[in-house]
Amino acid sequence: MLNGGPGSAIYWEVGSSATLGTGSTFAGNILADQSITLTTGAAILCGRAIALHAAGRS
């Protein structure tokens, strides 16, 4: 994403679940049906992770 920012509106639609691997960085919005996992050191620099049917964590 060159010169992108919060208003860039890039969405990645995932059919079931998504995992961002160890130490990865991500830009954009992830829309997953079941779950989204960020492993150790993974980060979303600009965007959101939205799982439609996942259980919440506290």
PDB file of N, CA and C in Angstrom:
ATOM      1  N   MET A   1       0.858  -1.160   0.000  1.00  0.00           N
ATOM      2  CA  MET A   1       0.000   0.000   0.000  1.00  0.00           C
ATOM      3  C   MET A   1       0.905   1.223   0.000  1.00  0.00           C
ATOM      4  N   LEU A   2       1.018   1.885  -1.109  1.00  0.00           N
ATOM      5  CA  LEU A   2       1.870   3.056  -1.246  1.00  0.00           C
ATOM      6  C   LEU A   2       1.083   4.301  -0.872  1.00  0.00           C
ATOM      7  N   ASN A   3       1.609   5.056   0.081  1.00  0.00           N
ATOM      8  CA  ASN A   3       0.970   6.299   0.544  1.00  0.00           C
ATOM      9  C   ASN A   3      -0.446   6.068   1.058  1.00  0.00           C
ATOM     10  N   GLY A   4      -0.713   4.878   1.549  1.00  0.00           N
ATOM     11  CA  GLY A   4      -2.040   4.566   2.078  1.00  0.00           C
ATOM     12  C   GLY A   4      -2.190   5.074   3.499  1.00  0.00           C
ATOM     13  N   GLY A   5      -3.392   5.149   3.934  1.00  0.00           N
ATOM     14  CA  GLY A   5      -3.674   5.575   5.299  1.00  0.00           C
ATOM     15  C   GLY A   5      -4.991   4.989   5.741  1.00  0.00           C
ATOM     16  N   PRO A   6      -5.507   5.459   6.871  1.00  0.00           N
ATOM     17  CA  PRO A   6      -6.737   4.894   7.407  1.00  0.00           C
ATOM     18  C   PRO A   6      -7.915   4.934   6.428  1.00  0.00           C
ATOM     19  N   GLY A   7      -7.936   5.881   5.507  1.00  0.00           N
ATOM     20  CA  GLY A   7      -9.037   5.978   4.567  1.00  0.00           C
ATOM     21  C   GLY A   7      -8.842   5.179   3.291  1.00  0.00           C
ATOM     22  N   SER A   8      -7.829   4.332   3.229  1.00  0.00           N
ATOM     23  CA  SER A   8      -7.529   3.603   2.002  1.00  0.00           C
ATOM     24  C   SER A   8      -8.571   2.540   1.668  1.00  0.00           C
ATOM     25  N   ALA A   9      -9.280   2.039   2.646  1.00  0.00           N
ATOM     26  CA  ALA A   9     -10.394   1.111   2.462  1.00  0.00           C
ATOM     27  C   ALA A   9     -10.031  -0.142   1.664  1.00  0.00           C
ATOM     28  N   ILE A  10      -8.964  -0.806   2.038  1.00  0.00           N
ATOM     29  CA  ILE A  10      -8.606  -2.078   1.422  1.00  0.00           C
ATOM     30  C   ILE A  10      -9.108  -3.190   2.330  1.00  0.00           C
ATOM     31  N   TYR A  11      -9.894  -4.117   1.760  1.00  0.00           N
ATOM     32  CA  TYR A  11     -10.478  -5.210   2.529  1.00  0.00           C
ATOM     33  C   TYR A  11     -10.031  -6.545   1.953  1.00  0.00           C
ATOM     34  N   TRP A  12      -9.713  -7.489   2.854  1.00  0.00           N
ATOM     35  CA  TRP A  12      -9.366  -8.855   2.494  1.00  0.00           C
ATOM     36  C   TRP A  12     -10.468  -9.726   3.058  1.00  0.00           C
ATOM     37  N   GLU A  13     -11.245 -10.380   2.208  1.00  0.00           N
ATOM     38  CA  GLU A  13     -12.331 -11.242   2.655  1.00  0.00           C
ATOM     39  C   GLU A  13     -11.844 -12.685   2.715  1.00  0.00           C
ATOM     40  N   VAL A  14     -11.993 -13.304   3.907  1.00  0.00           N
ATOM     41  CA  VAL A  14     -11.540 -14.674   4.139  1.00  0.00           C
ATOM     42  C   VAL A  14     -12.769 -15.536   4.377  1.00  0.00           C
ATOM     43  N   GLY A  15     -12.867 -16.666   3.683  1.00  0.00           N
ATOM     44  CA  GLY A  15     -14.040 -17.519   3.784  1.00  0.00           C
ATOM     45  C   GLY A  15     -14.264 -18.122   5.154  1.00  0.00           C
ATOM     46  N   SER A  16     -13.206 -18.470   5.877  1.00  0.00           N
ATOM     47  CA  SER A  16     -13.367 -19.129   7.163  1.00  0.00           C
ATOM     48  C   SER A  16     -12.555 -18.410   8.246  1.00  0.00           C
ATOM     49  N   SER A  17     -11.260 -18.738   8.345  1.00  0.00           N
ATOM     50  CA  SER A  17     -10.396 -18.171   9.385  1.00  0.00           C
ATOM     51  C   SER A  17      -9.098 -17.662   8.780  1.00  0.00           C
ATOM     52  N   ALA A  18      -8.483 -16.699   9.456  1.00  0.00           N
ATOM     53  CA  ALA A  18      -7.217 -16.131   8.992  1.00  0.00           C
ATOM     54  C   ALA A  18      -6.203 -16.154  10.124  1.00  0.00           C
ATOM     55  N   THR A  19      -4.937 -16.347   9.782  1.00  0.00           N
ATOM     56  CA  THR A  19      -3.848 -16.294  10.757  1.00  0.00           C
ATOM     57  C   THR A  19      -2.736 -15.426  10.195  1.00  0.00           C
ATOM     58  N   LEU A  20      -2.279 -14.474  10.999  1.00  0.00           N
ATOM     59  CA  LEU A  20      -1.096 -13.685  10.646  1.00  0.00           C
ATOM     60  C   LEU A  20       0.078 -14.308  11.384  1.00  0.00           C
ATOM     61  N   GLY A  21       1.090 -14.743  10.640  1.00  0.00           N
ATOM     62  CA  GLY A  21       2.216 -15.476  11.207  1.00  0.00           C
ATOM     63  C   GLY A  21       3.128 -14.633  12.083  1.00  0.00           C
ATOM     64  N   THR A  22       3.997 -15.313  12.802  1.00  0.00           N
ATOM     65  CA  THR A  22       4.912 -14.691  13.752  1.00  0.00           C
ATOM     66  C   THR A  22       5.716 -13.574  13.105  1.00  0.00           C
ATOM     67  N   GLY A  23       5.677 -12.403  13.708  1.00  0.00           N
ATOM     68  CA  GLY A  23       6.455 -11.262  13.254  1.00  0.00           C
ATOM     69  C   GLY A  23       5.945 -10.578  11.997  1.00  0.00           C
ATOM     70  N   SER A  24       4.783 -10.980  11.493  1.00  0.00           N
ATOM     71  CA  SER A  24       4.277 -10.370  10.261  1.00  0.00           C
ATOM     72  C   SER A  24       3.641  -9.011  10.534  1.00  0.00           C
ATOM     73  N   THR A  25       3.631  -8.170   9.506  1.00  0.00           N
ATOM     74  CA  THR A  25       2.929  -6.893   9.570  1.00  0.00           C
ATOM     75  C   THR A  25       1.897  -6.864   8.455  1.00  0.00           C
ATOM     76  N   PHE A  26       0.775  -6.234   8.710  1.00  0.00           N
ATOM     77  CA  PHE A  26      -0.347  -6.269   7.787  1.00  0.00           C
ATOM     78  C   PHE A  26      -0.949  -4.878   7.680  1.00  0.00           C
ATOM     79  N   ALA A  27      -1.384  -4.511   6.486  1.00  0.00           N
ATOM     80  CA  ALA A  27      -2.098  -3.258   6.277  1.00  0.00           C
ATOM     81  C   ALA A  27      -3.396  -3.570   5.555  1.00  0.00           C
ATOM     82  N   GLY A  28      -4.487  -3.080   6.069  1.00  0.00           N
ATOM     83  CA  GLY A  28      -5.795  -3.321   5.472  1.00  0.00           C
ATOM     84  C   GLY A  28      -6.746  -3.903   6.496  1.00  0.00           C
ATOM     85  N   ASN A  29      -7.941  -4.223   6.059  1.00  0.00           N
ATOM     86  CA  ASN A  29      -8.978  -4.767   6.916  1.00  0.00           C
ATOM     87  C   ASN A  29      -9.205  -6.233   6.568  1.00  0.00           C
ATOM     88  N   ILE A  30      -9.236  -7.081   7.583  1.00  0.00           N
ATOM     89  CA  ILE A  30      -9.501  -8.505   7.376  1.00  0.00           C
ATOM     90  C   ILE A  30     -10.937  -8.782   7.807  1.00  0.00           C
ATOM     91  N   LEU A  31     -11.724  -9.360   6.902  1.00  0.00           N
ATOM     92  CA  LEU A  31     -13.081  -9.799   7.218  1.00  0.00           C
ATOM     93  C   LEU A  31     -13.094 -11.320   7.119  1.00  0.00           C
ATOM     94  N   ALA A  32     -13.266 -11.987   8.248  1.00  0.00           N
ATOM     95  CA  ALA A  32     -13.274 -13.452   8.268  1.00  0.00           C
ATOM     96  C   ALA A  32     -14.606 -13.943   8.816  1.00  0.00           C
ATOM     97  N   ASP A  33     -15.034 -15.096   8.359  1.00  0.00           N
ATOM     98  CA  ASP A  33     -16.297 -15.654   8.825  1.00  0.00           C
ATOM     99  C   ASP A  33     -16.184 -16.162  10.258  1.00  0.00           C
ATOM    100  N   GLN A  34     -15.126 -16.918  10.590  1.00  0.00           N
ATOM    101  CA  GLN A  34     -15.043 -17.580  11.890  1.00  0.00           C
ATOM    102  C   GLN A  34     -14.063 -16.948  12.876  1.00  0.00           C
ATOM    103  N   SER A  35     -12.791 -16.786  12.485  1.00  0.00           N
ATOM    104  CA  SER A  35     -11.806 -16.302  13.459  1.00  0.00           C
ATOM    105  C   SER A  35     -10.611 -15.659  12.774  1.00  0.00           C
ATOM    106  N   ILE A  36      -9.888 -14.862  13.553  1.00  0.00           N
ATOM    107  CA  ILE A  36      -8.636 -14.247  13.103  1.00  0.00           C
ATOM    108  C   ILE A  36      -7.644 -14.394  14.249  1.00  0.00           C
ATOM    109  N   THR A  37      -6.460 -14.929  13.931  1.00  0.00           N
ATOM    110  CA  THR A  37      -5.422 -15.137  14.940  1.00  0.00           C
ATOM    111  C   THR A  37      -4.190 -14.335  14.565  1.00  0.00           C
ATOM    112  N   LEU A  38      -3.663 -13.569  15.511  1.00  0.00           N
ATOM    113  CA  LEU A  38      -2.387 -12.881  15.342  1.00  0.00           C
ATOM    114  C   LEU A  38      -1.393 -13.584  16.260  1.00  0.00           C
ATOM    115  N   THR A  39      -0.379 -14.220  15.677  1.00  0.00           N
ATOM    116  CA  THR A  39       0.607 -14.932  16.483  1.00  0.00           C
ATOM    117  C   THR A  39       1.634 -13.942  17.024  1.00  0.00           C
ATOM    118  N   THR A  40       2.600 -14.437  17.775  1.00  0.00           N
ATOM    119  CA  THR A  40       3.579 -13.601  18.474  1.00  0.00           C
ATOM    120  C   THR A  40       4.228 -12.580  17.546  1.00  0.00           C
ATOM    121  N   GLY A  41       4.142 -11.320  17.915  1.00  0.00           N
ATOM    122  CA  GLY A  41       4.787 -10.255  17.164  1.00  0.00           C
ATOM    123  C   GLY A  41       4.056  -9.808  15.915  1.00  0.00           C
ATOM    124  N   ALA A  42       2.923 -10.410  15.583  1.00  0.00           N
ATOM    125  CA  ALA A  42       2.154  -9.978  14.410  1.00  0.00           C
ATOM    126  C   ALA A  42       1.440  -8.669  14.721  1.00  0.00           C
ATOM    127  N   ALA A  43       1.325  -7.816  13.710  1.00  0.00           N
ATOM    128  CA  ALA A  43       0.708  -6.511  13.933  1.00  0.00           C
ATOM    129  C   ALA A  43      -0.091  -6.068  12.715  1.00  0.00           C
ATOM    130  N   ILE A  44      -1.176  -5.368  12.984  1.00  0.00           N
ATOM    131  CA  ILE A  44      -1.940  -4.708  11.933  1.00  0.00           C
ATOM    132  C   ILE A  44      -1.606  -3.231  12.055  1.00  0.00           C
ATOM    133  N   LEU A  45      -0.854  -2.709  11.082  1.00  0.00           N
ATOM    134  CA  LEU A  45      -0.387  -1.333  11.145  1.00  0.00           C
ATOM    135  C   LEU A  45      -1.494  -0.334  10.853  1.00  0.00           C
ATOM    136  N   CYS A  46      -2.348  -0.669   9.929  1.00  0.00           N
ATOM    137  CA  CYS A  46      -3.396   0.236   9.508  1.00  0.00           C
ATOM    138  C   CYS A  46      -4.591  -0.611   9.095  1.00  0.00           C
ATOM    139  N   GLY A  47      -5.646  -0.603   9.868  1.00  0.00           N
ATOM    140  CA  GLY A  47      -6.825  -1.385   9.519  1.00  0.00           C
ATOM    141  C   GLY A  47      -7.412  -2.077  10.729  1.00  0.00           C
ATOM    142  N   ARG A  48      -8.260  -3.068  10.454  1.00  0.00           N
ATOM    143  CA  ARG A  48      -8.969  -3.788  11.516  1.00  0.00           C
ATOM    144  C   ARG A  48      -9.035  -5.278  11.199  1.00  0.00           C
ATOM    145  N   ALA A  49      -9.294  -6.056  12.230  1.00  0.00           N
ATOM    146  CA  ALA A  49      -9.528  -7.492  12.077  1.00  0.00           C
ATOM    147  C   ALA A  49     -10.945  -7.757  12.587  1.00  0.00           C
ATOM    148  N   ILE A  50     -11.822  -8.196  11.689  1.00  0.00           N
ATOM    149  CA  ILE A  50     -13.226  -8.402  12.047  1.00  0.00           C
ATOM    150  C   ILE A  50     -13.622  -9.844  11.725  1.00  0.00           C
ATOM    151  N   ALA A  51     -14.007 -10.593  12.764  1.00  0.00           N
ATOM    152  CA  ALA A  51     -14.502 -11.959  12.602  1.00  0.00           C
ATOM    153  C   ALA A  51     -15.999 -11.940  12.908  1.00  0.00           C
ATOM    154  N   LEU A  52     -16.793 -12.426  11.986  1.00  0.00           N
ATOM    155  CA  LEU A  52     -18.242 -12.293  12.098  1.00  0.00           C
ATOM    156  C   LEU A  52     -18.881 -13.199  13.146  1.00  0.00           C
ATOM    157  N   HIS A  53     -18.340 -14.422  13.330  1.00  0.00           N
ATOM    158  CA  HIS A  53     -18.986 -15.377  14.241  1.00  0.00           C
ATOM    159  C   HIS A  53     -18.065 -15.869  15.356  1.00  0.00           C
ATOM    160  N   ALA A  54     -17.027 -15.161  15.658  1.00  0.00           N
ATOM    161  CA  ALA A  54     -16.060 -15.604  16.672  1.00  0.00           C
ATOM    162  C   ALA A  54     -16.542 -15.277  18.086  1.00  0.00           C
ATOM    163  N   ALA A  55     -16.059 -16.078  19.026  1.00  0.00           N
ATOM    164  CA  ALA A  55     -16.310 -15.798  20.441  1.00  0.00           C
ATOM    165  C   ALA A  55     -15.331 -14.733  20.904  1.00  0.00           C
ATOM    166  N   GLY A  56     -15.747 -13.859  21.770  1.00  0.00           N
ATOM    167  CA  GLY A  56     -14.892 -12.794  22.277  1.00  0.00           C
ATOM    168  C   GLY A  56     -13.890 -13.309  23.295  1.00  0.00           C
ATOM    169  N   ARG A  57     -12.786 -12.604  23.458  1.00  0.00           N
ATOM    170  CA  ARG A  57     -11.780 -12.930  24.468  1.00  0.00           C
ATOM    171  C   ARG A  57     -11.643 -11.755  25.410  1.00  0.00           C
ATOM    172  N   SER A  58     -11.387 -12.050  26.646  1.00  0.00           N
ATOM    173  CA  SER A  58     -11.217 -10.971  27.618  1.00  0.00           C
ATOM    174  C   SER A  58      -9.848 -11.034  28.243  1.00  0.00           C
TER     175      SER A  58
END
